[in-house]
Each structure stands twice: as C-alpha cells, then as structure tokens.
Amino acid sequence: MKMAQKLLRVLGTYKTATEFLAQASPDLHDRFEALKSFLLALGDDVQLKVLKYYFAFRRIKNFACVEIHPQTRKILIFVKVDPASIQLEKGFSRDVRNVGHYGTGDLEITVQDDSDLERAKSFILKSYEVS
C-alpha cells in the first residue's frame, strides 16, 4: 500500500467505496449504474461484493474491481487483461502490474464519459471470460 494511503487510513480520513459513490455527481452515479448493469448481465454467475475501498465483480474469482473517484469524476476499473497484449492508451488504459492498488487485475481502465465506458466493455468481457 502506498505511504499516503497508509497515513490516510491511520488518520481515518480515507472514505469507503460506498461513501465515494454517495458523493458522486448524478452523471457519474448513472455511469456507475450502467457499468454495474453491464457487469451483472454478463452471466447468472456474476456476483457483486461491496468491499471497503472498491466494488468487486466476480464469478469464481474477481474479474473486475471498480473504484469511484468523485473529485476527478472518474471510474477506475481493474481487469485481468495482460497489459502487454494490448495497445495502451494514455488517459484510458494503464499497466498497473508494478503499481500498488486495491483490487485485482493488471490493467487499469479510466472511464470519464460514456464513450470510455463503451470502449472498456471489450476488456471487461475478456477478463470475465478468463475468470
């Protein structure tokens, strides 16, 4: 865990995933709901688990971990896709194999608008299929 995250946790000021969702703007909240609907519709075996710092979507194992960031108006999705197997796009996809983060997955996807959400779906589907 990063030093800043440890300090925030010790001070007790780091908010939970549920608190961040409650603070989200209406459009960010709607985008999260659209993402959640897509994820849950992938199969009858998909479960949502609300954890302290993120929302985990799983079959047998997590295939997508979602964080809400109301301050920056972004949704971060971590998926199990090998970053070396795709063309990374600055501001949209990032290799987080060597970066500390909550949840599972080596590829971070940043969703800032509905078009980003549409582009993210193919990566989410890949992650779902291997989980």
Protein backbone atom coordinates (compact mmCIF):
# COMPACT_ATOMS: atom_id res chain seq x y z
CA MET A 1 0.00 0.00 0.00
CA LYS A 2 1.28 3.48 -0.78
CA MET A 3 2.53 5.57 2.13
CA ALA A 4 -0.18 8.22 1.61
CA GLN A 5 -2.88 5.56 1.72
CA LYS A 6 -1.42 4.16 4.94
CA LEU A 7 -1.34 7.61 6.50
CA LEU A 8 -4.92 8.35 5.45
CA ARG A 9 -6.05 5.01 6.85
CA VAL A 10 -4.30 5.66 10.16
CA LEU A 11 -5.87 9.09 10.36
CA GLY A 12 -9.24 7.58 9.47
CA THR A 13 -9.96 10.03 6.66
CA TYR A 14 -9.96 7.62 3.72
CA LYS A 15 -13.54 7.20 2.55
CA THR A 16 -15.17 3.91 1.65
CA ALA A 17 -16.36 2.93 -1.81
CA THR A 18 -19.95 3.44 -0.68
CA GLU A 19 -19.19 6.94 0.62
CA PHE A 20 -17.46 7.87 -2.64
CA LEU A 21 -20.47 6.62 -4.61
CA ALA A 22 -22.80 8.70 -2.42
CA GLN A 23 -20.70 11.79 -3.21
CA ALA A 24 -20.67 11.15 -6.96
CA SER A 25 -22.37 13.59 -9.29
CA PRO A 26 -25.61 12.35 -10.87
CA ASP A 27 -23.89 11.63 -14.21
CA LEU A 28 -21.03 9.73 -12.52
CA HIS A 29 -23.54 7.77 -10.45
CA ASP A 30 -25.56 6.95 -13.59
CA ARG A 31 -22.38 5.83 -15.37
CA PHE A 32 -21.55 3.53 -12.45
CA GLU A 33 -25.07 2.08 -12.55
CA ALA A 34 -24.72 1.46 -16.31
CA LEU A 35 -21.37 -0.26 -15.70
CA LYS A 36 -22.85 -2.33 -12.85
CA SER A 37 -25.78 -3.40 -15.04
CA PHE A 38 -23.42 -4.45 -17.83
CA LEU A 39 -21.21 -6.42 -15.43
CA LEU A 40 -24.11 -8.22 -13.76
CA ALA A 41 -25.69 -9.05 -17.13
CA LEU A 42 -22.59 -10.95 -18.27
CA GLY A 43 -23.87 -14.11 -16.62
CA ASP A 44 -26.05 -15.60 -13.92
CA ASP A 45 -22.89 -16.48 -12.01
CA VAL A 46 -21.72 -12.86 -11.60
CA GLN A 47 -21.81 -11.53 -8.07
CA LEU A 48 -21.23 -8.04 -6.73
CA LYS A 49 -19.37 -7.73 -3.47
CA VAL A 50 -19.13 -4.28 -1.87
CA LEU A 51 -15.78 -4.06 -0.14
CA LYS A 52 -14.35 -1.22 1.88
CA TYR A 53 -12.45 0.52 -0.92
CA TYR A 54 -13.91 -0.91 -4.13
CA PHE A 55 -16.73 -2.87 -5.71
CA ALA A 56 -15.69 -6.40 -6.73
CA PHE A 57 -17.44 -8.27 -9.52
CA ARG A 58 -16.70 -11.97 -9.53
CA ARG A 59 -17.52 -15.39 -10.81
CA ILE A 60 -15.22 -17.83 -9.06
CA LYS A 61 -12.61 -15.07 -8.77
CA ASN A 62 -12.77 -11.31 -9.21
CA PHE A 63 -12.75 -10.26 -12.85
CA ALA A 64 -13.42 -6.53 -12.37
CA CYS A 65 -12.74 -4.22 -9.44
CA VAL A 66 -14.28 -0.76 -9.59
CA GLU A 67 -13.37 2.43 -7.75
CA ILE A 68 -15.38 5.67 -7.85
CA HIS A 69 -13.47 8.97 -7.72
CA PRO A 70 -16.00 11.82 -7.38
CA GLN A 71 -13.34 14.56 -7.09
CA THR A 72 -11.91 13.77 -10.53
CA ARG A 73 -15.24 12.49 -11.92
CA LYS A 74 -13.66 9.17 -12.91
CA ILE A 75 -14.36 5.49 -12.53
CA LEU A 76 -11.35 3.18 -12.39
CA ILE A 77 -11.83 -0.42 -13.45
CA PHE A 78 -9.15 -3.03 -12.80
CA VAL A 79 -9.41 -6.10 -15.02
CA LYS A 80 -7.46 -9.30 -15.57
CA VAL A 81 -6.08 -8.50 -19.01
CA ASP A 82 -2.37 -8.71 -19.75
CA PRO A 83 -1.31 -5.10 -20.48
CA ALA A 84 1.42 -6.40 -22.80
CA SER A 85 -1.26 -7.95 -25.04
CA ILE A 86 -2.92 -4.63 -25.94
CA GLN A 87 -2.02 -1.15 -27.15
CA LEU A 88 -2.17 1.06 -24.04
CA GLU A 89 -3.86 4.44 -24.50
CA LYS A 90 -2.74 7.38 -22.35
CA GLY A 91 -5.60 8.55 -20.14
CA PHE A 92 -7.65 5.41 -20.78
CA SER A 93 -5.61 2.27 -20.06
CA ARG A 94 -2.59 1.73 -17.84
CA ASP A 95 -0.32 -1.14 -16.85
CA VAL A 96 -0.55 -1.48 -13.05
CA ARG A 97 1.44 -4.71 -12.62
CA ASN A 98 4.04 -2.82 -10.59
CA VAL A 99 1.73 -0.24 -9.03
CA GLY A 100 0.05 -0.74 -5.68
CA HIS A 101 -3.74 -0.63 -5.97
CA TYR A 102 -6.84 -2.07 -4.38
CA GLY A 103 -8.49 -5.00 -6.06
CA THR A 104 -7.21 -7.44 -8.61
CA GLY A 105 -6.13 -7.08 -12.20
CA ASP A 106 -3.11 -5.82 -14.09
CA LEU A 107 -4.90 -3.40 -16.39
CA GLU A 108 -6.45 -0.16 -15.12
CA ILE A 109 -9.13 1.44 -17.28
CA THR A 110 -10.18 5.04 -16.67
CA VAL A 111 -13.79 5.86 -17.53
CA GLN A 112 -14.54 9.58 -17.78
CA ASP A 113 -17.52 9.52 -20.14
CA ASP A 114 -19.96 7.18 -21.86
CA SER A 115 -17.64 6.55 -24.82
CA ASP A 116 -14.90 5.36 -22.43
CA LEU A 117 -17.43 3.01 -20.86
CA GLU A 118 -18.28 1.55 -24.26
CA ARG A 119 -14.57 1.06 -25.09
CA ALA A 120 -13.98 -0.60 -21.70
CA LYS A 121 -16.59 -3.29 -22.30
CA SER A 122 -14.38 -5.41 -24.58
CA PHE A 123 -11.63 -5.53 -21.91
CA ILE A 124 -14.18 -6.36 -19.21
CA LEU A 125 -15.53 -9.19 -21.37
CA LYS A 126 -12.00 -10.60 -21.84
CA SER A 127 -11.46 -10.53 -18.09
CA TYR A 128 -14.82 -12.19 -17.46
CA GLU A 129 -14.04 -14.98 -19.92
CA VAL A 130 -10.76 -15.92 -18.19
CA SER A 131 -12.15 -15.81 -14.64
